[in-house]
Amino acid sequence: MAAAVSRYNRNPLIRRRQEAFDELQYRVERDYFAPTMAELAAAGITQARPRCRDYACRREGSPIDLTSLPPKMRTHTLRKKLVCRRCGLRRPEFELVWNGDAAG
């Protein structure tokens, strides 16, 4: 039986950033626990990629620069404003863009 491979880096500083990124991605998926743009910026996350929720469409949009938005805006508020250009469905899923090189 093979040993389990950890998803995170062994370096505690990098590991902490990776775990924080995963926690924020989890929170983005739940509207009632959505992070603010200031929280994302503090974690070093500056972009998010929208993806249509319709499984027939699944169109991926271009990355959105989160630093240009108001710091108190939450991700669910931003999702309410976006519409898929292909099928017209509102409220896309957000995939945060990981920047592993950024110092945090």
N, C-alpha and C. Protein backbone atom coordinates (compact mmCIF):
# COMPACT_ATOMS: atom_id res chain seq x y z
N MET A 1 0.84 -1.17 0.00
CA MET A 1 0.00 0.00 0.00
C MET A 1 0.89 1.24 0.00
N ALA A 2 0.58 2.18 -0.88
CA ALA A 2 1.38 3.39 -1.02
C ALA A 2 1.05 4.38 0.10
N ALA A 3 2.05 5.15 0.48
CA ALA A 3 1.85 6.16 1.51
C ALA A 3 1.03 7.31 0.94
N ALA A 4 0.25 7.92 1.80
CA ALA A 4 -0.57 9.06 1.37
C ALA A 4 0.33 10.26 1.08
N VAL A 5 0.00 10.98 0.02
CA VAL A 5 0.76 12.17 -0.35
C VAL A 5 -0.02 13.38 0.11
N SER A 6 0.65 14.25 0.84
CA SER A 6 0.00 15.45 1.34
C SER A 6 -0.28 16.42 0.20
N ARG A 7 -1.38 17.09 0.29
CA ARG A 7 -1.77 18.08 -0.71
C ARG A 7 -0.98 19.37 -0.52
N TYR A 8 -0.48 19.59 0.69
CA TYR A 8 0.18 20.84 1.03
C TYR A 8 1.69 20.67 1.12
N ASN A 9 2.37 21.79 0.99
CA ASN A 9 3.82 21.84 1.09
C ASN A 9 4.26 21.56 2.52
N ARG A 10 5.49 21.07 2.70
CA ARG A 10 6.00 20.79 4.04
C ARG A 10 6.49 22.04 4.75
N ASN A 11 6.82 23.08 4.00
CA ASN A 11 7.23 24.35 4.58
C ASN A 11 6.02 24.97 5.28
N PRO A 12 6.11 25.28 6.59
CA PRO A 12 4.93 25.77 7.31
C PRO A 12 4.38 27.10 6.78
N LEU A 13 5.24 27.98 6.28
CA LEU A 13 4.75 29.26 5.76
C LEU A 13 3.96 29.08 4.48
N ILE A 14 4.47 28.25 3.58
CA ILE A 14 3.77 27.98 2.32
C ILE A 14 2.51 27.17 2.59
N ARG A 15 2.61 26.23 3.51
CA ARG A 15 1.45 25.40 3.86
C ARG A 15 0.31 26.26 4.40
N ARG A 16 0.64 27.24 5.25
CA ARG A 16 -0.38 28.12 5.81
C ARG A 16 -1.08 28.90 4.72
N ARG A 17 -0.33 29.40 3.73
CA ARG A 17 -0.94 30.14 2.61
C ARG A 17 -1.83 29.23 1.77
N GLN A 18 -1.39 27.99 1.54
CA GLN A 18 -2.19 27.05 0.75
C GLN A 18 -3.49 26.70 1.47
N GLU A 19 -3.41 26.49 2.77
CA GLU A 19 -4.62 26.18 3.54
C GLU A 19 -5.57 27.38 3.58
N ALA A 20 -5.03 28.59 3.70
CA ALA A 20 -5.86 29.80 3.69
C ALA A 20 -6.54 29.97 2.34
N PHE A 21 -5.82 29.68 1.25
CA PHE A 21 -6.40 29.77 -0.09
C PHE A 21 -7.57 28.79 -0.22
N ASP A 22 -7.38 27.56 0.23
CA ASP A 22 -8.45 26.56 0.15
C ASP A 22 -9.66 26.97 0.99
N GLU A 23 -9.41 27.55 2.15
CA GLU A 23 -10.51 28.01 3.00
C GLU A 23 -11.29 29.13 2.32
N LEU A 24 -10.58 30.07 1.69
CA LEU A 24 -11.27 31.16 0.99
C LEU A 24 -12.04 30.65 -0.22
N GLN A 25 -11.50 29.68 -0.95
CA GLN A 25 -12.22 29.10 -2.08
C GLN A 25 -13.50 28.43 -1.59
N TYR A 26 -13.44 27.76 -0.46
CA TYR A 26 -14.62 27.14 0.14
C TYR A 26 -15.66 28.20 0.49
N ARG A 27 -15.21 29.32 1.08
CA ARG A 27 -16.12 30.39 1.46
C ARG A 27 -16.75 31.08 0.26
N VAL A 28 -16.02 31.19 -0.85
CA VAL A 28 -16.56 31.82 -2.06
C VAL A 28 -17.74 31.01 -2.59
N GLU A 29 -17.70 29.71 -2.42
CA GLU A 29 -18.76 28.84 -2.92
C GLU A 29 -20.04 28.92 -2.09
N ARG A 30 -19.97 29.46 -0.88
CA ARG A 30 -21.13 29.60 -0.01
C ARG A 30 -21.46 31.07 0.18
N ASP A 31 -22.64 31.47 -0.24
CA ASP A 31 -23.01 32.89 -0.21
C ASP A 31 -23.09 33.45 1.21
N TYR A 32 -23.56 32.68 2.16
CA TYR A 32 -23.74 33.20 3.51
C TYR A 32 -22.42 33.40 4.24
N PHE A 33 -21.32 32.90 3.70
CA PHE A 33 -20.01 32.99 4.34
C PHE A 33 -18.99 33.61 3.39
N ALA A 34 -19.48 34.41 2.44
CA ALA A 34 -18.63 34.95 1.39
C ALA A 34 -17.60 35.94 1.93
N PRO A 35 -16.36 35.85 1.47
CA PRO A 35 -15.33 36.80 1.91
C PRO A 35 -15.46 38.14 1.20
N THR A 36 -14.89 39.17 1.81
CA THR A 36 -14.85 40.49 1.19
C THR A 36 -13.62 40.57 0.29
N MET A 37 -13.59 41.61 -0.54
CA MET A 37 -12.43 41.81 -1.41
C MET A 37 -11.19 42.14 -0.57
N ALA A 38 -11.39 42.78 0.57
CA ALA A 38 -10.26 43.10 1.46
C ALA A 38 -9.65 41.82 2.03
N GLU A 39 -10.49 40.85 2.38
CA GLU A 39 -9.97 39.57 2.88
C GLU A 39 -9.18 38.83 1.81
N LEU A 40 -9.69 38.87 0.58
CA LEU A 40 -8.98 38.21 -0.51
C LEU A 40 -7.65 38.91 -0.80
N ALA A 41 -7.65 40.24 -0.77
CA ALA A 41 -6.42 40.99 -1.01
C ALA A 41 -5.40 40.73 0.10
N ALA A 42 -5.85 40.61 1.34
CA ALA A 42 -4.95 40.33 2.45
C ALA A 42 -4.29 38.96 2.31
N ALA A 43 -5.01 38.03 1.68
CA ALA A 43 -4.45 36.69 1.45
C ALA A 43 -3.61 36.63 0.18
N GLY A 44 -3.53 37.74 -0.56
CA GLY A 44 -2.73 37.78 -1.77
C GLY A 44 -3.46 37.30 -3.01
N ILE A 45 -4.77 37.19 -2.94
CA ILE A 45 -5.57 36.75 -4.09
C ILE A 45 -6.08 37.99 -4.81
N THR A 46 -5.66 38.15 -6.05
CA THR A 46 -6.01 39.36 -6.79
C THR A 46 -6.92 39.09 -7.98
N GLN A 47 -7.15 37.82 -8.33
CA GLN A 47 -7.98 37.51 -9.49
C GLN A 47 -8.90 36.33 -9.19
N ALA A 48 -10.03 36.33 -9.89
CA ALA A 48 -10.97 35.21 -9.85
C ALA A 48 -11.48 34.97 -11.27
N ARG A 49 -11.68 33.70 -11.59
CA ARG A 49 -12.16 33.34 -12.93
C ARG A 49 -13.60 32.84 -12.80
N PRO A 50 -14.56 33.54 -13.45
CA PRO A 50 -15.96 33.08 -13.41
C PRO A 50 -16.19 31.92 -14.37
N ARG A 51 -17.07 31.00 -13.96
CA ARG A 51 -17.43 29.87 -14.80
C ARG A 51 -18.94 29.67 -14.69
N CYS A 52 -19.60 29.53 -15.83
CA CYS A 52 -21.05 29.36 -15.86
C CYS A 52 -21.47 28.12 -15.06
N ARG A 53 -22.58 28.23 -14.33
CA ARG A 53 -23.08 27.12 -13.52
C ARG A 53 -23.80 26.07 -14.34
N ASP A 54 -24.26 26.43 -15.54
CA ASP A 54 -25.00 25.50 -16.40
C ASP A 54 -24.04 24.45 -16.94
N TYR A 55 -24.32 23.18 -16.67
CA TYR A 55 -23.41 22.11 -17.09
C TYR A 55 -23.37 21.94 -18.60
N ALA A 56 -24.39 22.39 -19.31
CA ALA A 56 -24.37 22.33 -20.77
C ALA A 56 -23.48 23.43 -21.34
N CYS A 57 -23.33 24.52 -20.64
CA CYS A 57 -22.56 25.66 -21.13
C CYS A 57 -21.12 25.63 -20.59
N ARG A 58 -20.96 25.78 -19.28
CA ARG A 58 -19.67 25.78 -18.57
C ARG A 58 -18.64 26.73 -19.19
N ARG A 59 -19.11 27.86 -19.71
CA ARG A 59 -18.20 28.84 -20.31
C ARG A 59 -17.35 29.48 -19.23
N GLU A 60 -16.05 29.58 -19.49
CA GLU A 60 -15.14 30.25 -18.57
C GLU A 60 -14.88 31.66 -19.07
N GLY A 61 -15.08 32.62 -18.20
CA GLY A 61 -14.82 34.01 -18.55
C GLY A 61 -13.37 34.37 -18.30
N SER A 62 -13.01 35.55 -18.72
CA SER A 62 -11.65 36.01 -18.47
C SER A 62 -11.51 36.37 -16.99
N PRO A 63 -10.31 36.28 -16.44
CA PRO A 63 -10.12 36.58 -15.02
C PRO A 63 -10.52 38.01 -14.67
N ILE A 64 -11.12 38.17 -13.51
CA ILE A 64 -11.57 39.47 -13.01
C ILE A 64 -10.53 39.97 -12.01
N ASP A 65 -10.13 41.24 -12.17
CA ASP A 65 -9.19 41.85 -11.24
C ASP A 65 -9.96 42.29 -10.00
N LEU A 66 -9.69 41.64 -8.88
CA LEU A 66 -10.43 41.92 -7.65
C LEU A 66 -9.92 43.16 -6.92
N THR A 67 -8.74 43.65 -7.30
CA THR A 67 -8.19 44.82 -6.61
C THR A 67 -8.88 46.11 -7.04
N SER A 68 -9.58 46.10 -8.16
CA SER A 68 -10.25 47.31 -8.64
C SER A 68 -11.65 47.48 -8.04
N LEU A 69 -12.09 46.51 -7.25
CA LEU A 69 -13.43 46.56 -6.65
C LEU A 69 -13.37 47.14 -5.25
N PRO A 70 -14.49 47.65 -4.73
CA PRO A 70 -14.51 48.20 -3.37
C PRO A 70 -14.12 47.14 -2.33
N PRO A 71 -13.33 47.50 -1.32
CA PRO A 71 -12.84 46.50 -0.37
C PRO A 71 -13.92 45.84 0.47
N LYS A 72 -15.06 46.52 0.69
CA LYS A 72 -16.12 45.92 1.51
C LYS A 72 -17.08 45.06 0.70
N MET A 73 -16.94 45.03 -0.63
CA MET A 73 -17.81 44.21 -1.47
C MET A 73 -17.52 42.73 -1.22
N ARG A 74 -18.58 41.95 -1.12
CA ARG A 74 -18.43 40.51 -0.93
C ARG A 74 -18.53 39.80 -2.28
N THR A 75 -17.99 38.60 -2.32
CA THR A 75 -17.98 37.86 -3.59
C THR A 75 -19.39 37.53 -4.05
N HIS A 76 -20.32 37.27 -3.14
CA HIS A 76 -21.68 36.94 -3.59
C HIS A 76 -22.36 38.15 -4.23
N THR A 77 -22.01 39.36 -3.81
CA THR A 77 -22.55 40.57 -4.44
C THR A 77 -22.03 40.71 -5.86
N LEU A 78 -20.77 40.42 -6.05
CA LEU A 78 -20.18 40.45 -7.39
C LEU A 78 -20.79 39.38 -8.28
N ARG A 79 -21.00 38.19 -7.74
CA ARG A 79 -21.60 37.10 -8.53
C ARG A 79 -23.01 37.46 -9.00
N LYS A 80 -23.77 38.19 -8.18
CA LYS A 80 -25.14 38.59 -8.55
C LYS A 80 -25.14 39.48 -9.79
N LYS A 81 -24.08 40.26 -9.98
CA LYS A 81 -24.02 41.21 -11.08
C LYS A 81 -23.57 40.58 -12.40
N LEU A 82 -22.97 39.41 -12.36
CA LEU A 82 -22.41 38.80 -13.58
C LEU A 82 -23.41 37.90 -14.29
N VAL A 83 -23.35 37.91 -15.62
CA VAL A 83 -24.23 37.10 -16.46
C VAL A 83 -23.37 36.40 -17.51
N CYS A 84 -23.68 35.13 -17.79
CA CYS A 84 -22.96 34.38 -18.83
C CYS A 84 -23.29 34.97 -20.20
N ARG A 85 -22.28 35.21 -21.00
CA ARG A 85 -22.50 35.80 -22.32
C ARG A 85 -23.02 34.77 -23.33
N ARG A 86 -22.85 33.50 -23.04
CA ARG A 86 -23.31 32.48 -23.98
C ARG A 86 -24.76 32.09 -23.74
N CYS A 87 -25.11 31.76 -22.48
CA CYS A 87 -26.46 31.24 -22.23
C CYS A 87 -27.35 32.20 -21.43
N GLY A 88 -26.79 33.26 -20.83
CA GLY A 88 -27.58 34.24 -20.12
C GLY A 88 -27.87 33.89 -18.66
N LEU A 89 -27.29 32.82 -18.14
CA LEU A 89 -27.51 32.43 -16.75
C LEU A 89 -26.74 33.37 -15.82
N ARG A 90 -27.37 33.74 -14.72
CA ARG A 90 -26.76 34.65 -13.75
C ARG A 90 -26.00 33.85 -12.68
N ARG A 91 -25.21 34.58 -11.90
CA ARG A 91 -24.50 34.06 -10.74
C ARG A 91 -23.54 32.91 -11.09
N PRO A 92 -22.45 33.19 -11.77
CA PRO A 92 -21.50 32.13 -12.11
C PRO A 92 -20.73 31.66 -10.87
N GLU A 93 -20.09 30.52 -11.00
CA GLU A 93 -19.18 30.05 -9.97
C GLU A 93 -17.89 30.85 -10.09
N PHE A 94 -17.19 31.01 -8.99
CA PHE A 94 -15.90 31.70 -8.99
C PHE A 94 -14.81 30.73 -8.63
N GLU A 95 -13.76 30.73 -9.42
CA GLU A 95 -12.56 29.96 -9.08
C GLU A 95 -11.46 30.98 -8.82
N LEU A 96 -10.97 31.03 -7.61
CA LEU A 96 -9.90 31.95 -7.26
C LEU A 96 -8.62 31.54 -7.98
N VAL A 97 -7.84 32.52 -8.41
CA VAL A 97 -6.60 32.25 -9.12
C VAL A 97 -5.46 32.26 -8.11
N TRP A 98 -4.78 31.13 -7.98
CA TRP A 98 -3.68 30.98 -7.03
C TRP A 98 -2.42 31.61 -7.58
N ASN A 99 -1.79 32.45 -6.77
CA ASN A 99 -0.50 33.01 -7.11
C ASN A 99 0.47 32.53 -6.03
N GLY A 100 1.08 31.38 -6.25
CA GLY A 100 1.94 30.77 -5.26
C GLY A 100 3.23 31.52 -5.02
N ASP A 101 3.62 32.41 -5.95
CA ASP A 101 4.88 33.13 -5.81
C ASP A 101 4.77 34.36 -4.93
N ALA A 102 3.53 34.82 -4.70
CA ALA A 102 3.35 36.06 -3.93
C ALA A 102 3.72 35.84 -2.47
N ALA A 103 4.37 36.80 -1.91
CA ALA A 103 4.73 36.71 -0.49
C ALA A 103 3.53 37.12 0.34
N GLY A 104 3.31 36.41 1.44
CA GLY A 104 2.14 36.74 2.22
C GLY A 104 2.39 36.91 3.67
